[in-house]
Amino acid sequence: MSFGLTDFGKSLRRLAVVAVFALGACSGHQELPGVGEAEAGSEPLYKIGPGDSLQIFVWRNPDLGISVPVRPDGRISVPLLEDIVAAGKTATDLSREIEGKLGEYIQDPLVTVIITGFIGNYTEQVRIVGQATNPQAIPYRAKMTLLDAMISVGGLAEFAAGNRATLVRRVGGEQKQYRLRIADLIKDGDISANADLLPGDVIIIPESVF
């Protein structure tokens, strides 16, 4: 059996990938706290994003109520008001803004905004890329864990290197990387490998080299 230059090049590339991940495992990566081990704090409030669906109620003025999607530009239009920026705001924030604008037309408006369909801004999503069965961006849910996210994407693909996965997270304006042991969590049931997730987290699952 011959071993050509093409095969040799492929072997070198594979070795380079192994070296990169080995280096990352030794430096620049931290252990992600397990479930419940992170510092206590209030859950982040959901912020509206393009593609979300909103139900808007105006007390004593049912004709002003409407069900409306958030446009790709992040804006909505409601009766009497056009092009209101909804993206990046909580439902409460948007309610108060609409009240202020409607106050020019009706007396003491009372507005309630209910989010009925969730997609969210990119900063509110958890993105799983690489060797997942169905890699995708999923809306963040309160108290979401790594296990929840992996269930949403169907688990690991056949050739995934789950224990070499990385979570990328912005902390205090700085991008940090954390080691993940997804294979231990899913295949071996090691619950200590589970971890809390936050909006904006990116999970990168590499392919097994061998």
Protein backbone atom coordinates (compact mmCIF):
# COMPACT_ATOMS: atom_id res chain seq x y z
CA MET A 1 0.00 0.00 0.00
CA SER A 2 1.48 3.39 -0.99
CA PHE A 3 1.45 6.47 1.18
CA GLY A 4 1.30 9.53 -1.05
CA LEU A 5 1.91 13.19 -0.39
CA THR A 6 -1.83 13.79 -0.19
CA ASP A 7 -2.19 11.29 2.65
CA PHE A 8 0.85 12.80 4.35
CA GLY A 9 -0.69 16.28 4.12
CA LYS A 10 -3.94 15.05 5.62
CA SER A 11 -2.03 13.47 8.49
CA LEU A 12 -0.19 16.72 9.15
CA ARG A 13 -3.44 18.66 9.22
CA ARG A 14 -4.94 16.20 11.66
CA LEU A 15 -1.91 16.47 13.92
CA ALA A 16 -2.15 20.25 13.76
CA VAL A 17 -5.78 20.13 14.86
CA VAL A 18 -4.88 17.87 17.77
CA ALA A 19 -2.08 20.24 18.79
CA VAL A 20 -4.39 23.26 18.70
CA PHE A 21 -6.97 21.60 20.92
CA ALA A 22 -4.31 20.25 23.27
CA LEU A 23 -2.85 23.73 23.62
CA GLY A 24 -6.31 25.18 24.25
CA ALA A 25 -6.95 22.62 26.93
CA CYS A 26 -3.73 23.66 28.70
CA SER A 27 -4.07 27.43 28.38
CA GLY A 28 -6.86 29.94 27.94
CA HIS A 29 -9.63 27.53 28.91
CA GLN A 30 -11.28 27.45 32.31
CA GLU A 31 -13.57 24.97 33.99
CA LEU A 32 -17.19 26.07 33.77
CA PRO A 33 -19.00 26.01 37.15
CA GLY A 34 -21.50 23.20 37.52
CA VAL A 35 -25.24 23.68 37.88
CA GLY A 36 -26.01 25.89 40.86
CA GLU A 37 -22.34 26.70 41.48
CA ALA A 38 -22.32 30.05 39.71
CA GLU A 39 -22.64 33.23 41.70
CA ALA A 40 -26.19 33.88 42.78
CA GLY A 41 -27.99 36.61 40.88
CA SER A 42 -31.31 37.45 39.29
CA GLU A 43 -32.16 35.73 36.03
CA PRO A 44 -31.70 38.05 33.05
CA LEU A 45 -34.99 39.41 31.73
CA TYR A 46 -35.93 38.32 28.22
CA LYS A 47 -35.39 40.99 25.59
CA ILE A 48 -37.52 41.11 22.47
CA GLY A 49 -35.88 40.24 19.17
CA PRO A 50 -36.71 40.22 15.45
CA GLY A 51 -39.14 37.42 14.61
CA ASP A 52 -40.79 37.40 18.03
CA SER A 53 -44.58 37.60 18.14
CA LEU A 54 -46.25 40.15 20.42
CA GLN A 55 -49.78 40.51 21.75
CA ILE A 56 -50.54 44.10 22.73
CA PHE A 57 -53.51 44.99 24.94
CA VAL A 58 -54.72 48.54 25.61
CA TRP A 59 -57.11 48.66 28.56
CA ARG A 60 -60.55 50.11 27.73
CA ASN A 61 -59.45 50.51 24.10
CA PRO A 62 -59.77 47.06 22.49
CA ASP A 63 -59.60 48.58 18.98
CA LEU A 64 -55.98 49.51 19.69
CA GLY A 65 -55.00 46.00 20.65
CA ILE A 66 -53.11 43.94 18.10
CA SER A 67 -51.09 40.79 17.50
CA VAL A 68 -47.95 41.72 15.62
CA PRO A 69 -44.61 40.15 14.65
CA VAL A 70 -41.37 42.04 15.23
CA ARG A 71 -39.97 42.89 11.82
CA PRO A 72 -36.40 42.02 10.76
CA ASP A 73 -35.44 45.65 11.49
CA GLY A 74 -36.59 45.16 15.08
CA ARG A 75 -39.59 47.48 14.78
CA ILE A 76 -43.35 47.10 15.05
CA SER A 77 -46.34 49.16 13.98
CA VAL A 78 -49.53 49.37 16.06
CA PRO A 79 -52.73 51.40 15.63
CA LEU A 80 -51.93 55.14 15.83
CA LEU A 81 -48.19 54.43 16.06
CA GLU A 82 -45.68 53.41 13.42
CA ASP A 83 -42.13 52.09 13.49
CA ILE A 84 -41.64 51.61 17.21
CA VAL A 85 -38.33 49.94 18.08
CA ALA A 86 -39.15 46.75 19.99
CA ALA A 87 -35.92 44.73 19.68
CA GLY A 88 -33.63 44.87 22.67
CA LYS A 89 -36.40 45.88 25.09
CA THR A 90 -38.24 43.88 27.72
CA ALA A 91 -42.02 43.53 27.46
CA THR A 92 -42.38 45.96 30.37
CA ASP A 93 -40.09 48.54 28.77
CA LEU A 94 -42.04 48.36 25.52
CA SER A 95 -45.36 48.63 27.37
CA ARG A 96 -44.26 51.86 29.08
CA GLU A 97 -42.97 53.33 25.81
CA ILE A 98 -46.23 52.61 23.98
CA GLU A 99 -48.17 54.15 26.88
CA GLY A 100 -46.12 57.33 26.57
CA LYS A 101 -46.72 57.59 22.84
CA LEU A 102 -50.44 56.75 23.05
CA GLY A 103 -50.83 59.43 25.72
CA GLU A 104 -50.82 61.96 22.89
CA TYR A 105 -54.08 60.47 21.60
CA ILE A 106 -55.96 58.94 24.54
CA GLN A 107 -56.13 59.72 28.24
CA ASP A 108 -54.09 57.61 30.67
CA PRO A 109 -53.49 54.56 28.45
CA LEU A 110 -52.65 51.31 30.18
CA VAL A 111 -50.74 48.91 27.92
CA THR A 112 -49.67 45.31 28.40
CA VAL A 113 -47.27 43.56 26.00
CA ILE A 114 -47.17 39.76 26.04
CA ILE A 115 -44.54 37.85 24.07
CA THR A 116 -46.29 34.89 22.46
CA GLY A 117 -43.54 33.62 20.13
CA PHE A 118 -39.87 33.55 21.02
CA ILE A 119 -36.81 33.84 18.78
CA GLY A 120 -34.87 36.63 20.43
CA ASN A 121 -31.84 38.72 19.57
CA TYR A 122 -28.58 36.93 18.84
CA THR A 123 -27.41 38.10 22.25
CA GLU A 124 -30.38 36.28 23.81
CA GLN A 125 -29.73 32.98 22.02
CA VAL A 126 -27.53 30.01 22.78
CA ARG A 127 -25.73 28.87 19.62
CA ILE A 128 -24.48 25.31 19.16
CA VAL A 129 -22.15 24.82 16.20
CA GLY A 130 -20.05 21.94 14.91
CA GLN A 131 -20.68 18.28 15.57
CA ALA A 132 -24.17 18.32 17.06
CA THR A 133 -26.91 16.24 15.45
CA ASN A 134 -28.80 19.42 14.54
CA PRO A 135 -26.58 22.46 15.19
CA GLN A 136 -28.63 25.62 15.55
CA ALA A 137 -29.31 28.75 17.57
CA ILE A 138 -31.96 28.26 20.27
CA PRO A 139 -33.72 30.86 22.42
CA TYR A 140 -32.34 31.09 25.94
CA ARG A 141 -34.71 29.95 28.67
CA ALA A 142 -34.41 30.73 32.36
CA LYS A 143 -32.14 28.27 34.19
CA MET A 144 -31.11 26.59 30.92
CA THR A 145 -28.30 24.07 31.32
CA LEU A 146 -25.85 22.41 28.96
CA LEU A 147 -27.97 19.26 29.05
CA ASP A 148 -31.09 21.22 28.03
CA ALA A 149 -29.24 22.72 25.07
CA MET A 150 -27.90 19.36 23.91
CA ILE A 151 -31.37 17.80 24.08
CA SER A 152 -32.64 20.66 21.90
CA VAL A 153 -30.05 19.91 19.19
CA GLY A 154 -30.47 16.14 19.33
CA GLY A 155 -27.23 15.33 21.14
CA LEU A 156 -23.80 14.72 19.65
CA ALA A 157 -23.16 13.71 16.04
CA GLU A 158 -21.55 10.34 15.37
CA PHE A 159 -17.98 11.62 15.08
CA ALA A 160 -18.16 14.40 17.66
CA ALA A 161 -15.34 14.94 20.14
CA GLY A 162 -17.71 15.95 22.91
CA ASN A 163 -15.10 16.14 25.65
CA ARG A 164 -13.09 18.65 23.62
CA ALA A 165 -16.00 21.04 23.21
CA THR A 166 -15.63 24.69 24.14
CA LEU A 167 -18.07 27.25 25.48
CA VAL A 168 -17.39 30.86 24.49
CA ARG A 169 -18.89 33.52 26.77
CA ARG A 170 -18.49 37.27 27.17
CA VAL A 171 -17.74 38.19 30.77
CA GLY A 172 -17.33 41.85 31.65
CA GLY A 173 -16.79 42.74 28.00
CA GLU A 174 -14.08 40.10 27.64
CA GLN A 175 -14.42 36.87 25.65
CA LYS A 176 -13.58 33.79 27.70
CA GLN A 177 -13.43 30.11 26.82
CA TYR A 178 -14.44 27.19 29.03
CA ARG A 179 -13.87 23.45 28.66
CA LEU A 180 -16.93 21.22 28.31
CA ARG A 181 -17.28 17.47 28.81
CA ILE A 182 -20.37 16.83 26.74
CA ALA A 183 -19.57 13.17 26.02
CA ASP A 184 -19.21 12.46 29.75
CA LEU A 185 -22.54 14.19 30.36
CA ILE A 186 -24.55 12.53 27.59
CA LYS A 187 -22.93 9.13 27.10
CA ASP A 188 -21.80 8.38 30.65
CA GLY A 189 -24.47 10.27 32.57
CA ASP A 190 -21.87 12.23 34.53
CA ILE A 191 -24.09 15.00 35.89
CA SER A 192 -21.04 16.84 37.24
CA ALA A 193 -20.31 17.75 33.61
CA ASN A 194 -23.56 19.71 33.38
CA ALA A 195 -23.39 23.50 33.66
CA ASP A 196 -25.60 26.58 33.69
CA LEU A 197 -25.83 28.54 30.45
CA LEU A 198 -26.33 32.25 29.86
CA PRO A 199 -27.80 34.24 26.95
CA GLY A 200 -25.22 34.70 24.19
CA ASP A 201 -23.24 31.53 24.98
CA VAL A 202 -21.67 29.75 21.99
CA ILE A 203 -20.94 26.02 22.22
CA ILE A 204 -18.37 24.72 19.72
CA ILE A 205 -18.15 20.93 19.25
CA PRO A 206 -15.18 19.72 17.18
CA GLU A 207 -14.98 16.56 15.10
CA SER A 208 -12.99 13.63 16.40
CA VAL A 209 -9.72 13.33 14.51
CA PHE A 210 -9.26 9.57 14.93
